[in-house]
C-alpha atoms as a PDB file:
ATOM      1  CA  MET A   1      10.209   5.733  -3.601  1.00  0.00           C
ATOM      2  CA  ASP A   2      10.651   8.555  -1.685  1.00  0.00           C
ATOM      3  CA  ASN A   3      10.562   8.180   2.308  1.00  0.00           C
ATOM      4  CA  LEU A   4       7.255   9.125   3.218  1.00  0.00           C
ATOM      5  CA  THR A   5       6.100   6.375   1.111  1.00  0.00           C
ATOM      6  CA  HIS A   6       8.324   4.094   2.754  1.00  0.00           C
ATOM      7  CA  SER A   7       7.344   5.257   6.145  1.00  0.00           C
ATOM      8  CA  LEU A   8       3.667   5.179   5.377  1.00  0.00           C
ATOM      9  CA  VAL A   9       3.780   1.683   4.396  1.00  0.00           C
ATOM     10  CA  GLY A  10       5.933   0.646   7.716  1.00  0.00           C
ATOM     11  CA  ALA A  11       3.457   2.478   9.710  1.00  0.00           C
ATOM     12  CA  LEU A  12       0.281   0.622   8.069  1.00  0.00           C
ATOM     13  CA  ILE A  13       1.547  -2.698   8.373  1.00  0.00           C
ATOM     14  CA  GLY A  14       1.801  -1.864  12.092  1.00  0.00           C
ATOM     15  CA  GLN A  15      -1.693  -0.775  12.127  1.00  0.00           C
ATOM     16  CA  ALA A  16      -2.759  -3.745  10.530  1.00  0.00           C
ATOM     17  CA  GLY A  17      -1.939  -5.629  13.607  1.00  0.00           C
ATOM     18  CA  LEU A  18       1.490  -6.316  13.455  1.00  0.00           C
ATOM     19  CA  LYS A  19       2.488  -3.583  16.067  1.00  0.00           C
ATOM     20  CA  LYS A  20       1.087  -5.997  18.664  1.00  0.00           C
ATOM     21  CA  LYS A  21       3.675  -8.203  18.503  1.00  0.00           C
ATOM     22  CA  THR A  22       6.272  -6.686  20.543  1.00  0.00           C
ATOM     23  CA  GLY A  23       6.970  -3.180  22.401  1.00  0.00           C
ATOM     24  CA  LEU A  24       8.668  -0.750  19.661  1.00  0.00           C
ATOM     25  CA  ALA A  25       7.304  -2.622  17.177  1.00  0.00           C
ATOM     26  CA  MET A  26       6.557   0.459  15.013  1.00  0.00           C
ATOM     27  CA  PRO A  27       9.884   1.898  15.027  1.00  0.00           C
ATOM     28  CA  ALA A  28      11.296  -1.293  13.791  1.00  0.00           C
ATOM     29  CA  LEU A  29       8.811  -1.193  11.106  1.00  0.00           C
ATOM     30  CA  ILE A  30       8.959   2.702  10.128  1.00  0.00           C
ATOM     31  CA  ILE A  31      12.698   2.631  10.711  1.00  0.00           C
ATOM     32  CA  GLY A  32      13.150  -1.001   8.930  1.00  0.00           C
ATOM     33  CA  ALA A  33      10.925   0.343   5.514  1.00  0.00           C
ATOM     34  CA  ASN A  34      13.652   3.212   5.475  1.00  0.00           C
ATOM     35  CA  LEU A  35      16.927   1.620   6.653  1.00  0.00           C
ATOM     36  CA  PRO A  36      18.280   0.539   2.946  1.00  0.00           C
ATOM     37  CA  ASP A  37      18.439   4.321   2.132  1.00  0.00           C
ATOM     38  CA  VAL A  38      21.339   4.431   4.789  1.00  0.00           C
ATOM     39  CA  ASP A  39      23.573   4.362   1.229  1.00  0.00           C
ATOM     40  CA  ALA A  40      22.678   8.288   1.011  1.00  0.00           C
ATOM     41  CA  ALA A  41      25.373   8.874   3.270  1.00  0.00           C
ATOM     42  CA  CYS A  42      27.702   8.562   0.503  1.00  0.00           C
ATOM     43  CA  LEU A  43      26.722  12.080  -0.514  1.00  0.00           C
ATOM     44  CA  PHE A  44      29.524  12.922   2.045  1.00  0.00           C
ATOM     45  CA  TRP A  45      32.564  11.221   0.409  1.00  0.00           C
ATOM     46  CA  LEU A  46      31.439  11.252  -3.227  1.00  0.00           C
ATOM     47  CA  GLU A  47      31.628  13.661  -5.879  1.00  0.00           C
ATOM     48  CA  GLY A  48      29.172  14.949  -8.316  1.00  0.00           C
ATOM     49  CA  VAL A  49      27.080  12.493  -9.760  1.00  0.00           C
ATOM     50  CA  GLU A  50      29.137   9.448  -8.609  1.00  0.00           C
ATOM     51  CA  HIS A  51      26.606   8.557  -5.931  1.00  0.00           C
ATOM     52  CA  LEU A  52      24.329   7.454  -8.757  1.00  0.00           C
ATOM     53  CA  GLY A  53      26.575   4.507  -9.431  1.00  0.00           C
ATOM     54  CA  PHE A  54      26.343   3.620  -5.398  1.00  0.00           C
ATOM     55  CA  ARG A  55      22.702   4.238  -4.763  1.00  0.00           C
ATOM     56  CA  ARG A  56      20.407   1.390  -4.566  1.00  0.00           C
ATOM     57  CA  GLY A  57      23.071  -0.990  -4.631  1.00  0.00           C
ATOM     58  CA  ILE A  58      24.855  -2.596  -1.535  1.00  0.00           C
ATOM     59  CA  THR A  59      22.262  -1.724   0.749  1.00  0.00           C
ATOM     60  CA  HIS A  60      19.351  -2.840  -1.129  1.00  0.00           C
ATOM     61  CA  GLY A  61      20.890  -6.360  -1.766  1.00  0.00           C
ATOM     62  CA  PRO A  62      20.401  -9.964   0.154  1.00  0.00           C
ATOM     63  CA  PRO A  63      23.177  -9.426   2.945  1.00  0.00           C
ATOM     64  CA  ALA A  64      22.557  -6.091   3.823  1.00  0.00           C
ATOM     65  CA  LEU A  65      18.355  -7.111   3.775  1.00  0.00           C
ATOM     66  CA  LEU A  66      19.304  -9.448   6.615  1.00  0.00           C
ATOM     67  CA  LEU A  67      22.171  -7.797   8.583  1.00  0.00           C
ATOM     68  CA  LEU A  68      20.495  -4.455   8.791  1.00  0.00           C
ATOM     69  CA  PRO A  69      17.512  -5.475  10.412  1.00  0.00           C
ATOM     70  CA  LEU A  70      19.723  -7.399  12.912  1.00  0.00           C
ATOM     71  CA  ILE A  71      21.300  -4.413  13.325  1.00  0.00           C
ATOM     72  CA  LEU A  72      18.073  -2.027  14.036  1.00  0.00           C
ATOM     73  CA  ALA A  73      16.684  -4.846  16.441  1.00  0.00           C
ATOM     74  CA  GLY A  74      19.561  -5.095  18.273  1.00  0.00           C
ATOM     75  CA  LEU A  75      19.572  -0.939  18.989  1.00  0.00           C
ATOM     76  CA  LEU A  76      16.019  -1.138  19.813  1.00  0.00           C
ATOM     77  CA  TYR A  77      16.292  -3.899  22.274  1.00  0.00           C
ATOM     78  CA  GLY A  78      19.117  -1.958  23.724  1.00  0.00           C
ATOM     79  CA  TYR A  79      17.465   1.314  23.989  1.00  0.00           C
ATOM     80  CA  ASP A  80      14.456  -0.733  25.759  1.00  0.00           C
ATOM     81  CA  ARG A  81      16.740  -1.990  28.423  1.00  0.00           C
ATOM     82  CA  TRP A  82      18.771   1.090  28.797  1.00  0.00           C
ATOM     83  CA  GLN A  83      15.459   2.989  29.729  1.00  0.00           C
ATOM     84  CA  ALA A  84      14.548   0.356  32.035  1.00  0.00           C
ATOM     85  CA  SER A  85      17.794   0.484  33.819  1.00  0.00           C
ATOM     86  CA  ARG A  86      17.190   4.173  34.248  1.00  0.00           C
ATOM     87  CA  GLY A  87      13.779   3.810  35.173  1.00  0.00           C
ATOM     88  CA  LYS A  88      12.359   5.633  32.296  1.00  0.00           C
ATOM     89  CA  ARG A  89      10.509   2.922  30.381  1.00  0.00           C
ATOM     90  CA  PRO A  90       6.896   3.616  29.481  1.00  0.00           C
ATOM     91  CA  ALA A  91       4.607   1.522  31.616  1.00  0.00           C
ATOM     92  CA  ASP A  92       2.207   1.039  28.894  1.00  0.00           C
ATOM     93  CA  ARG A  93       4.947  -0.172  26.511  1.00  0.00           C
ATOM     94  CA  LEU A  94       4.533  -4.067  25.455  1.00  0.00           C
ATOM     95  CA  PRO A  95       7.118  -6.674  26.753  1.00  0.00           C
ATOM     96  CA  VAL A  96      10.084  -6.180  23.972  1.00  0.00           C
ATOM     97  CA  SER A  97      10.873  -9.208  22.134  1.00  0.00           C
ATOM     98  CA  PHE A  98      14.154  -9.543  20.258  1.00  0.00           C
ATOM     99  CA  LYS A  99      12.591 -12.086  17.448  1.00  0.00           C
ATOM    100  CA  TRP A 100       9.747 -10.114  16.776  1.00  0.00           C
ATOM    101  CA  LEU A 101      11.867  -6.741  16.899  1.00  0.00           C
ATOM    102  CA  PHE A 102      14.173  -8.756  14.331  1.00  0.00           C
ATOM    103  CA  LEU A 103      11.138  -9.901  12.177  1.00  0.00           C
ATOM    104  CA  LEU A 104       9.329  -6.749  12.156  1.00  0.00           C
ATOM    105  CA  SER A 105      12.778  -4.881  11.151  1.00  0.00           C
ATOM    106  CA  PHE A 106      13.190  -7.527   8.379  1.00  0.00           C
ATOM    107  CA  ILE A 107       9.636  -6.798   7.154  1.00  0.00           C
ATOM    108  CA  GLY A 108      10.044  -3.207   7.064  1.00  0.00           C
ATOM    109  CA  CYS A 109      13.140  -3.455   5.244  1.00  0.00           C
ATOM    110  CA  LEU A 110      11.912  -6.080   2.444  1.00  0.00           C
ATOM    111  CA  THR A 111       9.050  -3.292   1.510  1.00  0.00           C
ATOM    112  CA  HIS A 112      12.056  -0.837   0.432  1.00  0.00           C
ATOM    113  CA  PRO A 113      13.434  -2.421  -2.211  1.00  0.00           C
ATOM    114  CA  ALA A 114      10.001  -3.749  -3.504  1.00  0.00           C
ATOM    115  CA  LEU A 115       8.700  -0.248  -3.783  1.00  0.00           C
ATOM    116  CA  ASP A 116      12.055   0.781  -5.274  1.00  0.00           C
ATOM    117  CA  TRP A 117      11.974  -1.758  -7.750  1.00  0.00           C
ATOM    118  CA  LEU A 118       8.709  -0.278  -9.034  1.00  0.00           C
ATOM    119  CA  ASN A 119      10.083   3.106 -10.622  1.00  0.00           C
ATOM    120  CA  VAL A 120      12.197   3.614 -13.806  1.00  0.00           C
ATOM    121  CA  TYR A 121      15.707   4.700 -11.574  1.00  0.00           C
ATOM    122  CA  GLY A 122      15.913   1.263 -10.990  1.00  0.00           C
ATOM    123  CA  ILE A 123      17.549  -0.988  -8.302  1.00  0.00           C
ATOM    124  CA  ARG A 124      20.650  -3.694  -8.228  1.00  0.00           C
ATOM    125  CA  LEU A 125      18.470  -6.209  -5.927  1.00  0.00           C
ATOM    126  CA  LEU A 126      21.394  -8.886  -6.071  1.00  0.00           C
ATOM    127  CA  GLU A 127      24.153  -6.641  -5.244  1.00  0.00           C
ATOM    128  CA  PRO A 128      26.915  -7.722  -4.202  1.00  0.00           C
ATOM    129  CA  PHE A 129      26.310 -11.163  -6.286  1.00  0.00           C
ATOM    130  CA  SER A 130      25.463  -9.345  -9.288  1.00  0.00           C
ATOM    131  CA  SER A 131      25.294  -5.757 -10.377  1.00  0.00           C
ATOM    132  CA  GLN A 132      22.346  -6.016 -12.814  1.00  0.00           C
ATOM    133  CA  TRP A 133      19.831  -3.365 -12.544  1.00  0.00           C
ATOM    134  CA  PHE A 134      16.145  -4.257 -12.389  1.00  0.00           C
ATOM    135  CA  TYR A 135      13.250  -1.751 -13.245  1.00  0.00           C
ATOM    136  CA  GLY A 136       9.285  -1.987 -12.736  1.00  0.00           C
ATOM    137  CA  ASP A 137       8.691   1.338 -14.683  1.00  0.00           C
ATOM    138  CA  THR A 138       5.430   1.194 -12.712  1.00  0.00           C
ATOM    139  CA  LEU A 139       5.097   4.344 -10.414  1.00  0.00           C
ATOM    140  CA  PHE A 140       6.844   7.815 -10.417  1.00  0.00           C
ATOM    141  CA  ILE A 141       9.375   7.861  -7.167  1.00  0.00           C
ATOM    142  CA  ILE A 142       6.699  10.036  -5.696  1.00  0.00           C
ATOM    143  CA  ASP A 143       3.038   9.005  -6.598  1.00  0.00           C
ATOM    144  CA  LEU A 144       0.851  11.596  -5.070  1.00  0.00           C
ATOM    145  CA  TRP A 145      -2.161   9.043  -5.134  1.00  0.00           C
ATOM    146  CA  LEU A 146      -0.190   6.560  -3.180  1.00  0.00           C
ATOM    147  CA  TRP A 147       0.482   9.221  -0.625  1.00  0.00           C
ATOM    148  CA  ALA A 148      -3.185  10.364  -0.461  1.00  0.00           C
ATOM    149  CA  LEU A 149      -4.342   6.809   0.064  1.00  0.00           C
ATOM    150  CA  LEU A 150      -1.717   5.714   2.776  1.00  0.00           C
ATOM    151  CA  GLY A 151      -1.728   9.008   4.638  1.00  0.00           C
ATOM    152  CA  PHE A 152      -5.526   9.104   4.983  1.00  0.00           C
ATOM    153  CA  ALA A 153      -5.746   5.644   6.154  1.00  0.00           C
ATOM    154  CA  THR A 154      -2.892   5.681   8.530  1.00  0.00           C
ATOM    155  CA  TRP A 155      -4.636   8.894  10.025  1.00  0.00           C
ATOM    156  CA  PHE A 156      -7.767   7.128  10.334  1.00  0.00           C
ATOM    157  CA  SER A 157      -6.526   3.994  11.674  1.00  0.00           C
ATOM    158  CA  LEU A 158      -4.851   5.997  14.480  1.00  0.00           C
ATOM    159  CA  ARG A 159      -7.873   8.044  15.062  1.00  0.00           C
ATOM    160  CA  ARG A 160      -9.967   4.928  15.326  1.00  0.00           C
ATOM    161  CA  GLU A 161      -7.732   3.188  17.733  1.00  0.00           C
ATOM    162  CA  LYS A 162      -7.594   6.269  19.668  1.00  0.00           C
ATOM    163  CA  LYS A 163     -11.528   6.536  20.141  1.00  0.00           C
ATOM    164  CA  GLY A 164     -11.338   2.816  21.084  1.00  0.00           C
ATOM    165  CA  GLY A 165     -12.886   1.635  17.888  1.00  0.00           C
ATOM    166  CA  GLU A 166     -11.773  -0.872  15.046  1.00  0.00           C
ATOM    167  CA  TRP A 167      -8.284   0.210  13.939  1.00  0.00           C
ATOM    168  CA  GLN A 168      -6.641  -2.886  12.301  1.00  0.00           C
ATOM    169  CA  LYS A 169      -9.633  -3.160   9.584  1.00  0.00           C
ATOM    170  CA  PRO A 170      -8.735   0.330   7.733  1.00  0.00           C
ATOM    171  CA  ALA A 171      -5.244  -0.507   7.494  1.00  0.00           C
ATOM    172  CA  GLN A 172      -5.500  -3.712   6.055  1.00  0.00           C
ATOM    173  CA  ILE A 173      -8.129  -2.528   3.410  1.00  0.00           C
ATOM    174  CA  SER A 174      -5.795   0.722   2.488  1.00  0.00           C
ATOM    175  CA  LEU A 175      -2.814  -1.877   1.952  1.00  0.00           C
ATOM    176  CA  THR A 176      -5.007  -4.323  -0.044  1.00  0.00           C
ATOM    177  CA  VAL A 177      -6.147  -1.402  -2.367  1.00  0.00           C
ATOM    178  CA  ALA A 178      -2.717   0.055  -2.724  1.00  0.00           C
ATOM    179  CA  SER A 179      -1.672  -3.532  -3.667  1.00  0.00           C
ATOM    180  CA  LEU A 180      -4.593  -3.384  -6.618  1.00  0.00           C
ATOM    181  CA  TYR A 181      -3.377  -0.037  -7.478  1.00  0.00           C
ATOM    182  CA  ILE A 182       0.029  -0.922  -8.048  1.00  0.00           C
ATOM    183  CA  ALA A 183      -1.103  -3.943  -9.965  1.00  0.00           C
ATOM    184  CA  PHE A 184      -3.427  -1.961 -12.247  1.00  0.00           C
ATOM    185  CA  GLN A 185      -0.206   0.740 -12.519  1.00  0.00           C
ATOM    186  CA  GLY A 186       1.653  -2.212 -13.592  1.00  0.00           C
ATOM    187  CA  LEU A 187      -0.727  -3.696 -16.474  1.00  0.00           C
ATOM    188  CA  LEU A 188      -0.782   0.085 -17.782  1.00  0.00           C
ATOM    189  CA  THR A 189       2.991  -0.019 -18.111  1.00  0.00           C
ATOM    190  CA  GLY A 190       3.029  -3.541 -19.645  1.00  0.00           C
ATOM    191  CA  ALA A 191       0.359  -2.560 -22.240  1.00  0.00           C
ATOM    192  CA  ALA A 192       1.875   0.365 -23.047  1.00  0.00           C
ATOM    193  CA  GLU A 193       5.393  -0.935 -23.882  1.00  0.00           C
ATOM    194  CA  ARG A 194       3.804  -4.129 -25.711  1.00  0.00           C
ATOM    195  CA  GLU A 195       1.837  -1.459 -28.002  1.00  0.00           C
ATOM    196  CA  VAL A 196       5.496  -0.246 -29.297  1.00  0.00           C
ATOM    197  CA  THR A 197       7.308  -3.577 -29.219  1.00  0.00           C
ATOM    198  CA  GLU A 198       4.593  -5.190 -31.321  1.00  0.00           C
ATOM    199  CA  SER A 199       4.313  -2.626 -33.667  1.00  0.00           C
ATOM    200  CA  PRO A 200       6.253  -3.096 -37.245  1.00  0.00           C
ATOM    201  CA  THR A 201       8.281  -0.118 -36.091  1.00  0.00           C
ATOM    202  CA  GLY A 202       9.598  -1.484 -32.789  1.00  0.00           C
ATOM    203  CA  THR A 203      12.644  -0.054 -31.317  1.00  0.00           C
ATOM    204  CA  ASP A 204      15.783  -1.245 -29.270  1.00  0.00           C
ATOM    205  CA  ILE A 205      14.939   0.388 -26.155  1.00  0.00           C
ATOM    206  CA  VAL A 206      11.051   1.007 -25.134  1.00  0.00           C
ATOM    207  CA  ILE A 207      10.225   2.369 -21.799  1.00  0.00           C
ATOM    208  CA  ALA A 208       6.784   3.467 -20.539  1.00  0.00           C
ATOM    209  CA  SER A 209       7.893   6.092 -17.732  1.00  0.00           C
ATOM    210  CA  PRO A 210       4.749   7.036 -15.258  1.00  0.00           C
ATOM    211  CA  PRO A 211       4.680  11.095 -15.304  1.00  0.00           C
ATOM    212  CA  PRO A 212       4.454  12.745 -11.739  1.00  0.00           C
ATOM    213  CA  PHE A 213       0.772  13.582 -11.585  1.00  0.00           C
ATOM    214  CA  TRP A 214      -1.227  11.742 -14.085  1.00  0.00           C
ATOM    215  CA  SER A 215      -0.244   8.061 -13.158  1.00  0.00           C
ATOM    216  CA  TRP A 216      -2.684   6.518 -15.532  1.00  0.00           C
ATOM    217  CA  GLU A 217      -0.684   8.001 -18.334  1.00  0.00           C
ATOM    218  CA  ARG A 218       2.671   6.945 -19.847  1.00  0.00           C
ATOM    219  CA  ASP A 219       5.580   8.935 -21.350  1.00  0.00           C
ATOM    220  CA  MET A 220       6.779   6.398 -24.006  1.00  0.00           C
ATOM    221  CA  ILE A 221      10.716   6.790 -24.500  1.00  0.00           C
ATOM    222  CA  THR A 222      11.889   4.814 -27.476  1.00  0.00           C
ATOM    223  CA  GLY A 223      15.116   4.682 -29.461  1.00  0.00           C
ATOM    224  CA  GLY A 224      18.649   3.246 -29.060  1.00  0.00           C
ATOM    225  CA  ASN A 225      22.302   4.277 -29.559  1.00  0.00           C
ATOM    226  CA  GLY A 226      21.883   7.423 -27.474  1.00  0.00           C
ATOM    227  CA  LEU A 227      19.229   8.820 -29.688  1.00  0.00           C
ATOM    228  CA  TYR A 228      15.857   8.901 -27.994  1.00  0.00           C
ATOM    229  CA  THR A 229      12.446   9.988 -28.877  1.00  0.00           C
ATOM    230  CA  LEU A 230       9.670  10.876 -26.101  1.00  0.00           C
ATOM    231  CA  ASN A 231       6.186   9.691 -26.728  1.00  0.00           C
ATOM    232  CA  GLY A 232       7.347   9.160 -30.567  1.00  0.00           C
ATOM    233  CA  ASP A 233       7.553  12.923 -31.839  1.00  0.00           C
ATOM    234  CA  THR A 234      10.204  14.736 -29.556  1.00  0.00           C
ATOM    235  CA  THR A 235      13.880  13.686 -30.380  1.00  0.00           C
ATOM    236  CA  PHE A 236      16.635  14.316 -27.681  1.00  0.00           C
ATOM    237  CA  PRO A 237      19.400  16.762 -28.815  1.00  0.00           C
ATOM    238  CA  GLY A 238      22.203  14.094 -29.239  1.00  0.00           C
ATOM    239  CA  VAL A 239      25.057  12.663 -30.696  1.00  0.00           C
ATOM    240  CA  PRO A 240      25.322   9.244 -31.538  1.00  0.00           C
ATOM    241  CA  LEU A 241      27.270   7.048 -28.951  1.00  0.00           C
ATOM    242  CA  ASP A 242      28.978   5.072 -31.145  1.00  0.00           C
ATOM    243  CA  ARG A 243      30.685   8.403 -32.680  1.00  0.00           C
ATOM    244  CA  CYS A 244      32.219   8.876 -29.134  1.00  0.00           C
ATOM    245  CA  ASP A 245      35.243   7.010 -27.005  1.00  0.00           C
ATOM    246  CA  LEU A 246      32.961   6.969 -23.882  1.00  0.00           C
ATOM    247  CA  GLU A 247      35.390   3.740 -22.729  1.00  0.00           C
ATOM    248  CA  ALA A 248      38.311   6.478 -22.492  1.00  0.00           C
ATOM    249  CA  ALA A 249      36.063   9.139 -20.751  1.00  0.00           C
ATOM    250  CA  ARG A 250      35.248   6.342 -18.083  1.00  0.00           C
ATOM    251  CA  GLU A 251      38.887   5.615 -17.499  1.00  0.00           C
ATOM    252  CA  ALA A 252      39.702   9.204 -17.103  1.00  0.00           C
ATOM    253  CA  ASP A 253      36.522  10.522 -15.056  1.00  0.00           C
ATOM    254  CA  SER A 254      35.256   8.536 -12.283  1.00  0.00           C
ATOM    255  CA  GLU A 255      31.759  10.596 -12.574  1.00  0.00           C
ATOM    256  CA  VAL A 256      31.368   9.723 -16.351  1.00  0.00           C
ATOM    257  CA  ASP A 257      31.912   5.931 -15.326  1.00  0.00           C
ATOM    258  CA  ALA A 258      29.319   6.261 -12.369  1.00  0.00           C
ATOM    259  CA  PHE A 259      26.857   7.806 -15.008  1.00  0.00           C
ATOM    260  CA  LEU A 260      27.235   5.316 -17.459  1.00  0.00           C
ATOM    261  CA  PHE A 261      27.050   2.433 -14.631  1.00  0.00           C
ATOM    262  CA  TRP A 262      23.776   3.907 -13.535  1.00  0.00           C
ATOM    263  CA  SER A 263      22.459   5.249 -16.894  1.00  0.00           C
ATOM    264  CA  ARG A 264      19.457   3.182 -18.855  1.00  0.00           C
ATOM    265  CA  THR A 265      19.244   5.550 -21.608  1.00  0.00           C
ATOM    266  CA  PRO A 266      22.352   7.539 -22.014  1.00  0.00           C
ATOM    267  CA  TYR A 267      22.510  10.405 -24.654  1.00  0.00           C
ATOM    268  CA  ILE A 268      24.936  13.007 -25.486  1.00  0.00           C
ATOM    269  CA  VAL A 269      24.115  16.763 -25.633  1.00  0.00           C
ATOM    270  CA  PRO A 270      25.935  19.519 -27.143  1.00  0.00           C
ATOM    271  CA  LYS A 271      25.443  22.672 -25.352  1.00  0.00           C
ATOM    272  CA  GLU A 272      25.647  26.320 -26.802  1.00  0.00           C
ATOM    273  CA  ASP A 273      29.022  26.928 -24.863  1.00  0.00           C
ATOM    274  CA  GLY A 274      30.716  24.158 -27.011  1.00  0.00           C
ATOM    275  CA  THR A 275      30.701  21.568 -24.013  1.00  0.00           C
ATOM    276  CA  LEU A 276      29.549  18.027 -24.301  1.00  0.00           C
ATOM    277  CA  TRP A 277      27.249  16.427 -21.448  1.00  0.00           C
ATOM    278  CA  LEU A 278      25.759  13.023 -20.553  1.00  0.00           C
ATOM    279  CA  GLN A 279      22.109  12.991 -19.684  1.00  0.00           C
ATOM    280  CA  ASP A 280      19.574  10.031 -19.444  1.00  0.00           C
ATOM    281  CA  ALA A 281      16.240  10.327 -21.165  1.00  0.00           C
ATOM    282  CA  ARG A 282      14.240   9.042 -18.113  1.00  0.00           C
ATOM    283  CA  PHE A 283      15.291  12.340 -16.448  1.00  0.00           C
ATOM    284  CA  SER A 284      15.313  14.864 -19.503  1.00  0.00           C
ATOM    285  CA  ASP A 285      12.790  17.244 -17.802  1.00  0.00           C
ATOM    286  CA  PRO A 286      14.866  20.684 -17.065  1.00  0.00           C
ATOM    287  CA  ARG A 287      13.912  20.429 -13.484  1.00  0.00           C
ATOM    288  CA  ALA A 288      15.812  17.261 -12.932  1.00  0.00           C
ATOM    289  CA  SER A 289      18.164  17.209 -15.786  1.00  0.00           C
ATOM    290  CA  GLY A 290      20.823  19.163 -13.911  1.00  0.00           C
ATOM    291  CA  ARG A 291      21.065  16.659 -11.106  1.00  0.00           C
ATOM    292  CA  PHE A 292      21.369  13.760 -13.641  1.00  0.00           C
ATOM    293  CA  GLU A 293      24.108  15.123 -16.230  1.00  0.00           C
ATOM    294  CA  VAL A 294      27.764  15.188 -16.566  1.00  0.00           C
ATOM    295  CA  ARG A 295      30.119  16.931 -18.702  1.00  0.00           C
ATOM    296  CA  LEU A 296      32.267  14.883 -20.963  1.00  0.00           C
ATOM    297  CA  PRO A 297      35.807  15.848 -21.907  1.00  0.00           C
ATOM    298  CA  GLY A 298      35.547  17.685 -24.970  1.00  0.00           C
ATOM    299  CA  ASP A 299      37.836  15.449 -27.024  1.00  0.00           C
ATOM    300  CA  VAL A 300      35.831  12.042 -26.821  1.00  0.00           C
ATOM    301  CA  CYS A 301      33.328  12.403 -29.769  1.00  0.00           C
ATOM    302  CA  ALA A 302      35.279  12.467 -33.114  1.00  0.00           C
ATOM    303  CA  GLY A 303      34.099  14.777 -35.588  1.00  0.00           C
ATOM    304  CA  VAL A 304      32.024  16.882 -33.142  1.00  0.00           C
ATOM    305  CA  LYS A 305      32.472  20.377 -32.928  1.00  0.00           C
ATOM    306  CA  THR A 306      33.085  21.358 -29.242  1.00  0.00           C
ATOM    307  CA  GLU A 307      34.370  25.007 -29.377  1.00  0.00           C
ATOM    308  CA  PRO A 308      31.922  28.021 -28.100  1.00  0.00           C
ATOM    309  CA  THR A 309      29.324  29.054 -30.493  1.00  0.00           C
ATOM    310  CA  GLU A 310      29.547  32.874 -31.517  1.00  0.00           C
END
C-alpha cells in the first residue's frame, strides 16, 4: 500500500490508546509502519526495472521485521537520552521505555506487510527463506475510501483529545470499520475469482484486480502463456511466451531477469518500431505500463518480425 495509508494505520493504533505506553510511541508506530519500505533506497543503485525484483522482499520478511523495530527503538531511545543530556527534552513527554518502544515499533512494522499483501503487486512474505510471492488481490495500492476513513478518524481523534474529550474510542471504531471494509473487499475478490474458475471455460490464471476508484468492482484478468484478456473481452496484444527464449534473455539482461522474477502475468508486445517489450497484465493501463515494462533483445522470439514497420 501507499505510505499515507501505512502512516494513518500507525497513527490510529497510537490514538486507540497505545501511545500512552511510553514516550515517543507515535514516532515508533508511524515510522515503524513505513520502515520496511527502506528497500526503496535500491533505486539509487539498481538500473531500470531491476528494482521490481528487489522491492517487497528482504526488508518485508521475518528477520527484518525483528531487526528493523530493534534499530528504530534504539534510535528513538538514544534520541530521548540525547535530548535529556542537552536539557531539551520536552517536559510533557512520558517516560521512555525501550521495551515498549520495541513492541510498538514491532507492531507498526507488522502492519506493513499485512497491508502490502492485500494488493495485486504482491509481497515475498518469507524472504530470505523463500522467494515465493503472495497476493491478496483485495485492495488497489491506493484506496481512496480507506484514505477518507482513516484520515477523518485520525483528525477526529486528535481533535477530541485536544478538547479533552474521549479520543481513543473513535480510533478504535475506525480500525474496526477499516478491518470490516477490507474483509468485505476480500469476499468480493473471492466471489469474482470463483465465478471464473468454476465456469466451464475456466482459465490457467484468474486475477480479480480492484480498480483505483470503484473498489467494489473488479477487473478480471484471465489467460495463460502470455496471452490474457481483461474482463473477458479485451485481448492484450502479445506473442505467446513459448515462441520466445526467455531464459536466454534473462541471462543476457539483468532487467529482464528481474522483471520475470517479479511478474505474475507477463506478456510480450511487439511495438510499431519493431521492438519487443515485456509487460504485465496487472499494470496494462497506459498511465502505469511505462514504469512496468522492459525491452527484450530482438532475436529471442522465433519467427516474430522485429524490424520497424513502414
